[in-house]
Amino acid sequence: MNIYVDFDDCLCETARYFSGLAKEMFGLDIPYEQIHYFNLQKSFSLTDEQYDQMMIKGHRPEVLLSYEETPGAIQTINRWIDKGHNVKIITGRPFSAFDASREWLNRHGLERVDLYCLNKYGRDNFIKGSSFNLELEDYYKMHFDFAVEDSPAAFKFFDHLPDLKVMVFDRPWNQECDFPNQNYKRCSDWNMINKFLLL
C-alpha cells in the first residue's frame, strides 16, 4: 500500500510551537486550541510583515529540529513500513527546510521514509524565491491508497485519487470543514489512524 503522510501537525506539533512564537515575538496570547484557521496569519491577525518574520523564524533549522513528535506517529509509521507499506512524507515546507526536516525524521527513527517538498500553499511570500523538490505534475503521477493530512487547504491535492482513503488528523483549524466525500475520516490520534488503515 502506498501511503501519503503530511509533516506539520501530523508528525510533529508545529502549531503549538507557533502559538508560543506569536506570543514571544508579538505579545499575542493565542493558545493552540484557539487556532481556528490553518492560515496562521489569519488566526493570529498578523500583518504581512509580521507573518513573514514569524514564518522565517519558525523555519530556521534549529527550530525545525526542536518540534515535538506527535504522540504515536513514529511508532505507527515504522510498523507500517515493517509490514511492507510504502510511506512518503509530502510536506508544504520549502526546499530550504529539506535538510533540517530530513534530519528531524532521521533523529526520530524515520530514516526509511522518503521526504518531498511540494508547493501546496503558495508560500513563496515568506522565503523569497522558494523552491520545491517535487513539482505538481510529478506529484499527480504518484498513486496513494491512504493519506494522513490535517489541512483542509490540501484536500484539493487528492481530487485525482477517487478511491483514496484520507485520515484527517483532528486539529482546531479543521473542525468546521466539510469533507469532500465519504472516504475522509476524522481521527483523534495515531492509534485511530492505524485502525482505519487495517479496515
N, C-alpha and C. Protein backbone atom coordinates (compact mmCIF):
# COMPACT_ATOMS: atom_id res chain seq x y z
N MET A 1 0.84 -1.19 0.00
CA MET A 1 0.00 0.00 0.00
C MET A 1 0.88 1.25 0.00
N ASN A 2 0.51 2.23 -0.79
CA ASN A 2 1.22 3.50 -0.85
C ASN A 2 0.54 4.51 0.06
N ILE A 3 1.32 5.10 0.96
CA ILE A 3 0.74 5.97 1.99
C ILE A 3 1.39 7.35 1.95
N TYR A 4 0.54 8.36 1.88
CA TYR A 4 0.94 9.77 1.93
C TYR A 4 0.78 10.24 3.38
N VAL A 5 1.81 10.89 3.92
CA VAL A 5 1.71 11.46 5.27
C VAL A 5 2.21 12.90 5.23
N ASP A 6 1.40 13.81 5.73
CA ASP A 6 1.82 15.20 5.87
C ASP A 6 2.79 15.29 7.05
N PHE A 7 3.60 16.35 7.06
CA PHE A 7 4.61 16.51 8.12
C PHE A 7 4.05 17.31 9.30
N ASP A 8 3.84 18.61 9.09
CA ASP A 8 3.47 19.51 10.19
C ASP A 8 2.08 19.20 10.73
N ASP A 9 2.02 19.02 12.03
CA ASP A 9 0.79 18.76 12.77
C ASP A 9 0.18 17.40 12.47
N CYS A 10 0.96 16.55 11.81
CA CYS A 10 0.65 15.13 11.71
C CYS A 10 1.78 14.33 12.34
N LEU A 11 3.02 14.69 11.97
CA LEU A 11 4.20 14.06 12.58
C LEU A 11 4.72 14.84 13.78
N CYS A 12 4.56 16.16 13.75
CA CYS A 12 5.11 16.99 14.81
C CYS A 12 4.16 18.15 15.15
N GLU A 13 4.38 18.73 16.32
CA GLU A 13 3.44 19.72 16.86
C GLU A 13 3.84 21.15 16.47
N THR A 14 3.74 21.44 15.20
CA THR A 14 4.18 22.72 14.66
C THR A 14 3.33 23.88 15.17
N ALA A 15 2.02 23.74 15.11
CA ALA A 15 1.14 24.85 15.50
C ALA A 15 1.31 25.21 16.98
N ARG A 16 1.57 24.23 17.81
CA ARG A 16 1.80 24.53 19.23
C ARG A 16 3.03 25.41 19.39
N TYR A 17 4.06 25.13 18.57
CA TYR A 17 5.26 25.96 18.62
C TYR A 17 4.94 27.38 18.16
N PHE A 18 4.21 27.51 17.07
CA PHE A 18 3.90 28.84 16.54
C PHE A 18 3.01 29.64 17.49
N SER A 19 2.19 28.97 18.26
CA SER A 19 1.40 29.66 19.27
C SER A 19 2.31 30.37 20.26
N GLY A 20 3.36 29.67 20.70
CA GLY A 20 4.33 30.27 21.62
C GLY A 20 5.17 31.33 20.93
N LEU A 21 5.46 31.11 19.66
CA LEU A 21 6.28 32.07 18.92
C LEU A 21 5.54 33.39 18.72
N ALA A 22 4.25 33.32 18.45
CA ALA A 22 3.46 34.55 18.29
C ALA A 22 3.45 35.36 19.58
N LYS A 23 3.42 34.66 20.70
CA LYS A 23 3.45 35.37 21.98
C LYS A 23 4.82 35.98 22.23
N GLU A 24 5.86 35.22 21.91
CA GLU A 24 7.23 35.69 22.11
C GLU A 24 7.56 36.89 21.23
N MET A 25 7.16 36.84 19.97
CA MET A 25 7.54 37.87 19.02
C MET A 25 6.64 39.10 19.04
N PHE A 26 5.33 38.87 19.26
CA PHE A 26 4.38 39.97 19.11
C PHE A 26 3.48 40.18 20.32
N GLY A 27 3.70 39.41 21.39
CA GLY A 27 2.88 39.56 22.59
C GLY A 27 1.45 39.08 22.42
N LEU A 28 1.21 38.17 21.47
CA LEU A 28 -0.14 37.68 21.19
C LEU A 28 -0.38 36.37 21.93
N ASP A 29 -1.32 36.37 22.82
CA ASP A 29 -1.62 35.17 23.62
C ASP A 29 -2.78 34.43 22.99
N ILE A 30 -2.47 33.58 22.02
CA ILE A 30 -3.48 32.79 21.33
C ILE A 30 -3.13 31.32 21.50
N PRO A 31 -3.79 30.65 22.45
CA PRO A 31 -3.48 29.24 22.70
C PRO A 31 -3.73 28.37 21.47
N TYR A 32 -3.04 27.26 21.44
CA TYR A 32 -3.19 26.30 20.35
C TYR A 32 -4.66 25.98 20.08
N GLU A 33 -5.44 25.81 21.14
CA GLU A 33 -6.84 25.42 21.00
C GLU A 33 -7.67 26.48 20.29
N GLN A 34 -7.16 27.70 20.22
CA GLN A 34 -7.89 28.79 19.58
C GLN A 34 -7.35 29.13 18.18
N ILE A 35 -6.53 28.25 17.63
CA ILE A 35 -6.05 28.44 16.26
C ILE A 35 -7.13 27.87 15.33
N HIS A 36 -8.06 28.72 14.93
CA HIS A 36 -9.23 28.26 14.20
C HIS A 36 -9.04 28.23 12.69
N TYR A 37 -7.91 28.73 12.20
CA TYR A 37 -7.67 28.74 10.77
C TYR A 37 -6.30 28.14 10.49
N PHE A 38 -6.23 27.33 9.43
CA PHE A 38 -4.93 26.79 9.03
C PHE A 38 -3.98 27.92 8.65
N ASN A 39 -4.52 28.99 8.11
CA ASN A 39 -3.75 30.19 7.78
C ASN A 39 -3.39 30.90 9.08
N LEU A 40 -2.13 30.77 9.51
CA LEU A 40 -1.73 31.34 10.80
C LEU A 40 -1.76 32.87 10.78
N GLN A 41 -1.57 33.46 9.64
CA GLN A 41 -1.68 34.92 9.56
C GLN A 41 -3.07 35.37 9.97
N LYS A 42 -4.07 34.62 9.53
CA LYS A 42 -5.46 34.93 9.88
C LYS A 42 -5.75 34.58 11.33
N SER A 43 -5.28 33.44 11.78
CA SER A 43 -5.52 33.01 13.16
C SER A 43 -4.93 33.97 14.18
N PHE A 44 -3.75 34.52 13.85
CA PHE A 44 -3.06 35.41 14.79
C PHE A 44 -3.26 36.89 14.46
N SER A 45 -4.02 37.18 13.39
CA SER A 45 -4.26 38.56 12.95
C SER A 45 -2.95 39.33 12.76
N LEU A 46 -2.07 38.76 11.96
CA LEU A 46 -0.75 39.34 11.72
C LEU A 46 -0.75 40.17 10.44
N THR A 47 0.09 41.19 10.42
CA THR A 47 0.35 41.91 9.18
C THR A 47 1.19 41.01 8.28
N ASP A 48 1.31 41.39 7.01
CA ASP A 48 2.16 40.62 6.09
C ASP A 48 3.59 40.56 6.61
N GLU A 49 4.09 41.67 7.11
CA GLU A 49 5.47 41.72 7.60
C GLU A 49 5.64 40.83 8.83
N GLN A 50 4.70 40.89 9.75
CA GLN A 50 4.79 40.05 10.95
C GLN A 50 4.73 38.57 10.58
N TYR A 51 3.85 38.23 9.66
CA TYR A 51 3.71 36.84 9.24
C TYR A 51 5.02 36.33 8.62
N ASP A 52 5.60 37.13 7.74
CA ASP A 52 6.86 36.73 7.12
C ASP A 52 7.94 36.52 8.18
N GLN A 53 8.03 37.44 9.14
CA GLN A 53 9.03 37.34 10.20
C GLN A 53 8.84 36.06 11.01
N MET A 54 7.59 35.77 11.35
CA MET A 54 7.32 34.60 12.17
C MET A 54 7.63 33.31 11.41
N MET A 55 7.24 33.26 10.14
CA MET A 55 7.47 32.05 9.36
C MET A 55 8.95 31.81 9.08
N ILE A 56 9.68 32.89 8.84
CA ILE A 56 11.13 32.74 8.64
C ILE A 56 11.78 32.17 9.89
N LYS A 57 11.42 32.72 11.06
CA LYS A 57 12.00 32.22 12.31
C LYS A 57 11.58 30.77 12.56
N GLY A 58 10.32 30.46 12.28
CA GLY A 58 9.82 29.11 12.51
C GLY A 58 10.40 28.07 11.58
N HIS A 59 11.06 28.51 10.50
CA HIS A 59 11.67 27.58 9.56
C HIS A 59 13.20 27.55 9.65
N ARG A 60 13.75 28.17 10.67
CA ARG A 60 15.19 28.05 10.89
C ARG A 60 15.52 26.61 11.26
N PRO A 61 16.67 26.09 10.82
CA PRO A 61 16.99 24.68 11.08
C PRO A 61 16.90 24.29 12.54
N GLU A 62 17.44 25.12 13.43
CA GLU A 62 17.43 24.76 14.85
C GLU A 62 16.01 24.71 15.41
N VAL A 63 15.12 25.50 14.83
CA VAL A 63 13.72 25.50 15.26
C VAL A 63 13.00 24.26 14.72
N LEU A 64 13.19 23.98 13.44
CA LEU A 64 12.57 22.80 12.85
C LEU A 64 12.97 21.53 13.58
N LEU A 65 14.21 21.48 14.03
CA LEU A 65 14.69 20.29 14.74
C LEU A 65 14.13 20.19 16.15
N SER A 66 13.58 21.28 16.66
CA SER A 66 13.08 21.29 18.04
C SER A 66 11.62 20.88 18.16
N TYR A 67 10.91 20.76 17.04
CA TYR A 67 9.49 20.44 17.11
C TYR A 67 9.27 19.07 17.77
N GLU A 68 8.27 19.01 18.63
CA GLU A 68 7.98 17.76 19.34
C GLU A 68 7.19 16.80 18.46
N GLU A 69 7.48 15.53 18.60
CA GLU A 69 6.76 14.50 17.85
C GLU A 69 5.30 14.43 18.28
N THR A 70 4.42 14.24 17.32
CA THR A 70 3.02 13.95 17.64
C THR A 70 2.97 12.53 18.18
N PRO A 71 2.42 12.33 19.37
CA PRO A 71 2.44 11.01 20.01
C PRO A 71 1.92 9.90 19.10
N GLY A 72 2.71 8.84 19.01
CA GLY A 72 2.32 7.65 18.26
C GLY A 72 2.68 7.65 16.80
N ALA A 73 3.09 8.80 16.26
CA ALA A 73 3.34 8.89 14.81
C ALA A 73 4.48 7.99 14.37
N ILE A 74 5.62 8.10 15.03
CA ILE A 74 6.82 7.37 14.60
C ILE A 74 6.62 5.87 14.72
N GLN A 75 6.09 5.45 15.85
CA GLN A 75 5.87 4.02 16.08
C GLN A 75 4.93 3.43 15.03
N THR A 76 3.85 4.16 14.74
CA THR A 76 2.86 3.66 13.78
C THR A 76 3.45 3.55 12.39
N ILE A 77 4.15 4.59 11.95
CA ILE A 77 4.72 4.58 10.60
C ILE A 77 5.76 3.49 10.45
N ASN A 78 6.59 3.31 11.45
CA ASN A 78 7.59 2.23 11.37
C ASN A 78 6.92 0.86 11.33
N ARG A 79 5.81 0.72 12.01
CA ARG A 79 5.07 -0.54 11.96
C ARG A 79 4.54 -0.78 10.55
N TRP A 80 4.05 0.28 9.92
CA TRP A 80 3.57 0.15 8.54
C TRP A 80 4.71 -0.27 7.60
N ILE A 81 5.86 0.38 7.76
CA ILE A 81 7.00 0.06 6.89
C ILE A 81 7.44 -1.39 7.11
N ASP A 82 7.45 -1.83 8.37
CA ASP A 82 7.82 -3.21 8.68
C ASP A 82 6.89 -4.21 8.00
N LYS A 83 5.64 -3.79 7.78
CA LYS A 83 4.66 -4.67 7.13
C LYS A 83 4.70 -4.57 5.61
N GLY A 84 5.63 -3.74 5.09
CA GLY A 84 5.81 -3.66 3.65
C GLY A 84 5.13 -2.50 2.96
N HIS A 85 4.50 -1.61 3.72
CA HIS A 85 3.87 -0.45 3.11
C HIS A 85 4.91 0.59 2.71
N ASN A 86 4.60 1.35 1.68
CA ASN A 86 5.49 2.38 1.15
C ASN A 86 4.99 3.74 1.64
N VAL A 87 5.74 4.38 2.53
CA VAL A 87 5.31 5.65 3.13
C VAL A 87 6.14 6.79 2.58
N LYS A 88 5.45 7.85 2.13
CA LYS A 88 6.12 9.05 1.66
C LYS A 88 5.61 10.25 2.45
N ILE A 89 6.54 11.08 2.94
CA ILE A 89 6.18 12.31 3.63
C ILE A 89 6.11 13.41 2.57
N ILE A 90 4.94 14.01 2.42
CA ILE A 90 4.73 15.10 1.45
C ILE A 90 4.44 16.37 2.25
N THR A 91 5.42 17.27 2.32
CA THR A 91 5.27 18.46 3.13
C THR A 91 5.14 19.71 2.27
N GLY A 92 4.47 20.71 2.81
CA GLY A 92 4.37 22.01 2.16
C GLY A 92 5.53 22.93 2.50
N ARG A 93 6.48 22.43 3.28
CA ARG A 93 7.65 23.24 3.60
C ARG A 93 8.48 23.48 2.34
N PRO A 94 9.13 24.66 2.24
CA PRO A 94 10.00 24.91 1.08
C PRO A 94 11.24 24.04 1.15
N PHE A 95 11.90 23.88 0.00
CA PHE A 95 13.08 23.02 -0.08
C PHE A 95 14.21 23.51 0.81
N SER A 96 14.22 24.79 1.13
CA SER A 96 15.25 25.31 2.05
C SER A 96 15.15 24.67 3.42
N ALA A 97 13.99 24.08 3.73
CA ALA A 97 13.80 23.40 5.01
C ALA A 97 14.05 21.89 4.90
N PHE A 98 14.45 21.43 3.72
CA PHE A 98 14.56 19.99 3.50
C PHE A 98 15.59 19.34 4.42
N ASP A 99 16.80 19.89 4.48
CA ASP A 99 17.88 19.24 5.23
C ASP A 99 17.51 19.08 6.71
N ALA A 100 16.97 20.13 7.31
CA ALA A 100 16.59 20.06 8.73
C ALA A 100 15.41 19.10 8.91
N SER A 101 14.49 19.10 7.95
CA SER A 101 13.34 18.20 8.03
C SER A 101 13.79 16.74 7.91
N ARG A 102 14.73 16.50 6.98
CA ARG A 102 15.28 15.16 6.81
C ARG A 102 16.00 14.71 8.08
N GLU A 103 16.74 15.64 8.70
CA GLU A 103 17.44 15.31 9.94
C GLU A 103 16.47 15.01 11.06
N TRP A 104 15.37 15.77 11.13
CA TRP A 104 14.35 15.51 12.17
C TRP A 104 13.81 14.10 12.01
N LEU A 105 13.50 13.72 10.79
CA LEU A 105 12.98 12.37 10.54
C LEU A 105 14.00 11.32 10.96
N ASN A 106 15.25 11.53 10.58
CA ASN A 106 16.30 10.57 10.92
C ASN A 106 16.49 10.46 12.43
N ARG A 107 16.50 11.60 13.12
CA ARG A 107 16.67 11.60 14.57
C ARG A 107 15.53 10.88 15.27
N HIS A 108 14.35 10.92 14.67
CA HIS A 108 13.18 10.32 15.30
C HIS A 108 12.87 8.91 14.79
N GLY A 109 13.83 8.33 14.07
CA GLY A 109 13.68 6.92 13.68
C GLY A 109 12.94 6.68 12.38
N LEU A 110 12.82 7.72 11.55
CA LEU A 110 12.13 7.54 10.27
C LEU A 110 13.10 7.67 9.09
N GLU A 111 14.24 7.02 9.22
CA GLU A 111 15.25 7.06 8.17
C GLU A 111 14.75 6.42 6.88
N ARG A 112 13.78 5.53 6.98
CA ARG A 112 13.35 4.75 5.81
C ARG A 112 12.28 5.43 4.96
N VAL A 113 11.76 6.57 5.38
CA VAL A 113 10.72 7.23 4.60
C VAL A 113 11.32 8.25 3.65
N ASP A 114 10.69 8.40 2.49
CA ASP A 114 11.08 9.43 1.54
C ASP A 114 10.41 10.74 1.94
N LEU A 115 11.10 11.85 1.69
CA LEU A 115 10.59 13.18 2.02
C LEU A 115 10.54 14.03 0.76
N TYR A 116 9.39 14.66 0.54
CA TYR A 116 9.22 15.54 -0.62
C TYR A 116 8.64 16.88 -0.17
N CYS A 117 9.16 17.96 -0.75
CA CYS A 117 8.64 19.31 -0.51
C CYS A 117 7.79 19.71 -1.71
N LEU A 118 6.50 19.86 -1.50
CA LEU A 118 5.54 20.19 -2.55
C LEU A 118 4.92 21.54 -2.24
N ASN A 119 4.84 22.40 -3.24
CA ASN A 119 4.27 23.73 -3.02
C ASN A 119 2.75 23.64 -2.90
N LYS A 120 2.29 23.21 -1.74
CA LYS A 120 0.86 23.04 -1.51
C LYS A 120 0.13 24.37 -1.33
N TYR A 121 0.83 25.35 -0.75
CA TYR A 121 0.12 26.53 -0.26
C TYR A 121 0.60 27.85 -0.85
N GLY A 122 1.46 27.81 -1.87
CA GLY A 122 1.94 29.05 -2.47
C GLY A 122 2.70 29.92 -1.49
N ARG A 123 3.58 29.30 -0.71
CA ARG A 123 4.25 30.02 0.38
C ARG A 123 5.55 30.70 -0.06
N ASP A 124 5.58 31.19 -1.27
CA ASP A 124 6.78 31.87 -1.75
C ASP A 124 6.94 33.23 -1.08
N ASN A 125 5.92 33.66 -0.32
CA ASN A 125 5.98 35.04 0.21
C ASN A 125 6.98 35.21 1.34
N PHE A 126 7.14 34.23 2.23
CA PHE A 126 7.98 34.47 3.40
C PHE A 126 9.44 34.12 3.18
N ILE A 127 9.73 33.22 2.26
CA ILE A 127 11.11 32.97 1.86
C ILE A 127 11.15 33.20 0.36
N LYS A 128 11.62 34.36 -0.03
CA LYS A 128 11.55 34.77 -1.42
C LYS A 128 12.30 33.80 -2.33
N GLY A 129 11.67 33.49 -3.45
CA GLY A 129 12.31 32.59 -4.41
C GLY A 129 12.37 31.15 -3.93
N SER A 130 11.41 30.73 -3.11
CA SER A 130 11.41 29.36 -2.59
C SER A 130 11.36 28.35 -3.73
N SER A 131 12.02 27.25 -3.52
CA SER A 131 11.96 26.15 -4.48
C SER A 131 11.44 24.92 -3.76
N PHE A 132 10.98 23.94 -4.55
CA PHE A 132 10.43 22.72 -4.00
C PHE A 132 10.98 21.56 -4.82
N ASN A 133 11.20 20.42 -4.18
CA ASN A 133 11.84 19.32 -4.90
C ASN A 133 10.83 18.35 -5.50
N LEU A 134 9.54 18.67 -5.39
CA LEU A 134 8.50 17.88 -6.05
C LEU A 134 7.55 18.83 -6.76
N GLU A 135 7.51 18.74 -8.06
CA GLU A 135 6.61 19.58 -8.85
C GLU A 135 5.22 18.96 -8.87
N LEU A 136 4.21 19.80 -9.04
CA LEU A 136 2.84 19.30 -9.05
C LEU A 136 2.62 18.24 -10.12
N GLU A 137 3.19 18.45 -11.30
CA GLU A 137 2.98 17.50 -12.39
C GLU A 137 3.54 16.12 -12.03
N ASP A 138 4.64 16.09 -11.27
CA ASP A 138 5.20 14.81 -10.85
C ASP A 138 4.42 14.22 -9.68
N TYR A 139 3.94 15.09 -8.79
CA TYR A 139 3.10 14.60 -7.69
C TYR A 139 1.86 13.90 -8.23
N TYR A 140 1.24 14.49 -9.24
CA TYR A 140 0.00 13.92 -9.78
C TYR A 140 0.22 12.60 -10.50
N LYS A 141 1.46 12.23 -10.75
CA LYS A 141 1.76 10.92 -11.32
C LYS A 141 1.88 9.85 -10.23
N MET A 142 1.98 10.29 -8.98
CA MET A 142 2.08 9.35 -7.87
C MET A 142 0.71 8.75 -7.54
N HIS A 143 0.73 7.54 -7.04
CA HIS A 143 -0.53 6.91 -6.61
C HIS A 143 -0.46 6.62 -5.12
N PHE A 144 -1.52 6.98 -4.41
CA PHE A 144 -1.61 6.69 -2.99
C PHE A 144 -2.93 5.99 -2.69
N ASP A 145 -2.88 5.06 -1.75
CA ASP A 145 -4.08 4.35 -1.31
C ASP A 145 -4.66 4.95 -0.03
N PHE A 146 -3.80 5.63 0.72
CA PHE A 146 -4.14 6.06 2.07
C PHE A 146 -3.38 7.34 2.34
N ALA A 147 -4.01 8.31 3.01
CA ALA A 147 -3.34 9.58 3.30
C ALA A 147 -3.66 10.04 4.72
N VAL A 148 -2.68 10.71 5.33
CA VAL A 148 -2.85 11.34 6.63
C VAL A 148 -2.56 12.83 6.45
N GLU A 149 -3.56 13.67 6.69
CA GLU A 149 -3.45 15.11 6.42
C GLU A 149 -4.30 15.87 7.44
N ASP A 150 -3.86 17.06 7.81
CA ASP A 150 -4.62 17.88 8.75
C ASP A 150 -5.22 19.13 8.11
N SER A 151 -4.72 19.53 6.95
CA SER A 151 -5.09 20.82 6.36
C SER A 151 -6.19 20.71 5.32
N PRO A 152 -7.33 21.37 5.54
CA PRO A 152 -8.37 21.40 4.50
C PRO A 152 -7.86 22.00 3.20
N ALA A 153 -6.86 22.88 3.28
CA ALA A 153 -6.32 23.50 2.07
C ALA A 153 -5.59 22.50 1.19
N ALA A 154 -5.25 21.34 1.74
CA ALA A 154 -4.52 20.32 0.97
C ALA A 154 -5.45 19.29 0.35
N PHE A 155 -6.71 19.30 0.72
CA PHE A 155 -7.62 18.27 0.21
C PHE A 155 -7.71 18.26 -1.31
N LYS A 156 -7.56 19.42 -1.94
CA LYS A 156 -7.67 19.51 -3.41
C LYS A 156 -6.60 18.67 -4.10
N PHE A 157 -5.52 18.37 -3.40
CA PHE A 157 -4.45 17.57 -3.99
C PHE A 157 -4.78 16.08 -4.02
N PHE A 158 -5.96 15.74 -3.54
CA PHE A 158 -6.40 14.34 -3.57
C PHE A 158 -7.51 14.10 -4.59
N ASP A 159 -7.92 15.14 -5.29
CA ASP A 159 -9.06 15.01 -6.20
C ASP A 159 -8.83 13.99 -7.31
N HIS A 160 -7.57 13.78 -7.69
CA HIS A 160 -7.27 12.86 -8.78
C HIS A 160 -7.25 11.39 -8.33
N LEU A 161 -7.49 11.17 -7.04
CA LEU A 161 -7.46 9.81 -6.49
C LEU A 161 -8.81 9.48 -5.85
N PRO A 162 -9.80 9.11 -6.66
CA PRO A 162 -11.16 8.93 -6.14
C PRO A 162 -11.32 7.83 -5.10
N ASP A 163 -10.42 6.87 -5.08
CA ASP A 163 -10.53 5.77 -4.11
C ASP A 163 -9.66 5.96 -2.88
N LEU A 164 -8.96 7.09 -2.82
CA LEU A 164 -8.05 7.35 -1.70
C LEU A 164 -8.81 7.47 -0.38
N LYS A 165 -8.32 6.80 0.64
CA LYS A 165 -8.87 6.95 1.99
C LYS A 165 -8.03 8.00 2.72
N VAL A 166 -8.68 9.06 3.19
CA VAL A 166 -7.98 10.18 3.81
C VAL A 166 -8.31 10.24 5.28
N MET A 167 -7.29 10.08 6.11
CA MET A 167 -7.46 10.22 7.55
C MET A 167 -7.13 11.66 7.93
N VAL A 168 -8.11 12.40 8.37
CA VAL A 168 -7.93 13.81 8.72
C VAL A 168 -7.58 13.90 10.20
N PHE A 169 -6.33 14.30 10.48
CA PHE A 169 -5.90 14.40 11.87
C PHE A 169 -6.64 15.56 12.53
N ASP A 170 -7.35 15.26 13.58
CA ASP A 170 -8.21 16.23 14.24
C ASP A 170 -7.40 17.38 14.85
N ARG A 171 -7.64 18.58 14.33
CA ARG A 171 -6.96 19.79 14.80
C ARG A 171 -7.98 20.93 14.88
N PRO A 172 -7.73 21.96 15.69
CA PRO A 172 -8.70 23.04 15.85
C PRO A 172 -9.10 23.71 14.54
N TRP A 173 -8.17 23.79 13.57
CA TRP A 173 -8.44 24.50 12.33
C TRP A 173 -9.20 23.68 11.30
N ASN A 174 -9.47 22.41 11.58
CA ASN A 174 -10.28 21.65 10.62
C ASN A 174 -11.63 21.21 11.20
N GLN A 175 -12.01 21.80 12.32
CA GLN A 175 -13.25 21.41 12.98
C GLN A 175 -14.50 21.72 12.15
N GLU A 176 -14.47 22.83 11.43
CA GLU A 176 -15.66 23.28 10.71
C GLU A 176 -15.65 22.90 9.23
N CYS A 177 -14.63 22.24 8.76
CA CYS A 177 -14.53 21.97 7.33
C CYS A 177 -15.47 20.84 6.90
N ASP A 178 -15.90 20.92 5.67
CA ASP A 178 -16.70 19.86 5.07
C ASP A 178 -15.77 18.91 4.32
N PHE A 179 -15.95 17.63 4.53
CA PHE A 179 -15.13 16.65 3.83
C PHE A 179 -15.70 16.42 2.43
N PRO A 180 -14.81 16.26 1.44
CA PRO A 180 -15.27 16.11 0.05
C PRO A 180 -16.13 14.88 -0.21
N ASN A 181 -15.87 13.80 0.50
CA ASN A 181 -16.66 12.58 0.29
C ASN A 181 -16.52 11.65 1.49
N GLN A 182 -17.15 10.49 1.37
CA GLN A 182 -17.20 9.54 2.48
C GLN A 182 -15.87 8.86 2.76
N ASN A 183 -14.88 9.05 1.89
CA ASN A 183 -13.57 8.45 2.10
C ASN A 183 -12.73 9.21 3.13
N TYR A 184 -13.21 10.38 3.56
CA TYR A 184 -12.50 11.18 4.55
C TYR A 184 -13.03 10.82 5.94
N LYS A 185 -12.10 10.52 6.85
CA LYS A 185 -12.46 10.16 8.22
C LYS A 185 -11.67 11.01 9.20
N ARG A 186 -12.34 11.56 10.19
CA ARG A 186 -11.66 12.34 11.23
C ARG A 186 -11.05 11.38 12.24
N CYS A 187 -9.79 11.63 12.60
CA CYS A 187 -9.10 10.76 13.54
C CYS A 187 -8.48 11.60 14.66
N SER A 188 -8.68 11.17 15.87
CA SER A 188 -8.21 11.94 17.02
C SER A 188 -6.75 11.69 17.35
N ASP A 189 -6.21 10.54 16.90
CA ASP A 189 -4.82 10.22 17.22
C ASP A 189 -4.31 9.15 16.26
N TRP A 190 -3.03 8.80 16.43
CA TRP A 190 -2.43 7.83 15.52
C TRP A 190 -2.94 6.41 15.73
N ASN A 191 -3.39 6.10 16.92
CA ASN A 191 -3.98 4.79 17.16
C ASN A 191 -5.24 4.62 16.31
N MET A 192 -6.05 5.66 16.25
CA MET A 192 -7.27 5.63 15.44
C MET A 192 -6.93 5.57 13.95
N ILE A 193 -5.92 6.32 13.54
CA ILE A 193 -5.48 6.29 12.14
C ILE A 193 -5.08 4.87 11.75
N ASN A 194 -4.30 4.22 12.61
CA ASN A 194 -3.85 2.87 12.33
C ASN A 194 -5.02 1.90 12.22
N LYS A 195 -6.02 2.06 13.04
CA LYS A 195 -7.20 1.18 12.99
C LYS A 195 -7.92 1.30 11.66
N PHE A 196 -8.02 2.54 11.13
CA PHE A 196 -8.66 2.72 9.83
C PHE A 196 -7.84 2.09 8.71
N LEU A 197 -6.53 2.13 8.81
CA LEU A 197 -5.68 1.52 7.80
C LEU A 197 -5.93 0.01 7.75
N LEU A 198 -6.19 -0.58 8.89
CA LEU A 198 -6.34 -2.01 8.98
C LEU A 198 -7.72 -2.50 8.53
N LEU A 199 -8.67 -1.58 8.37
CA LEU A 199 -10.02 -1.98 7.98
C LEU A 199 -10.05 -2.58 6.57
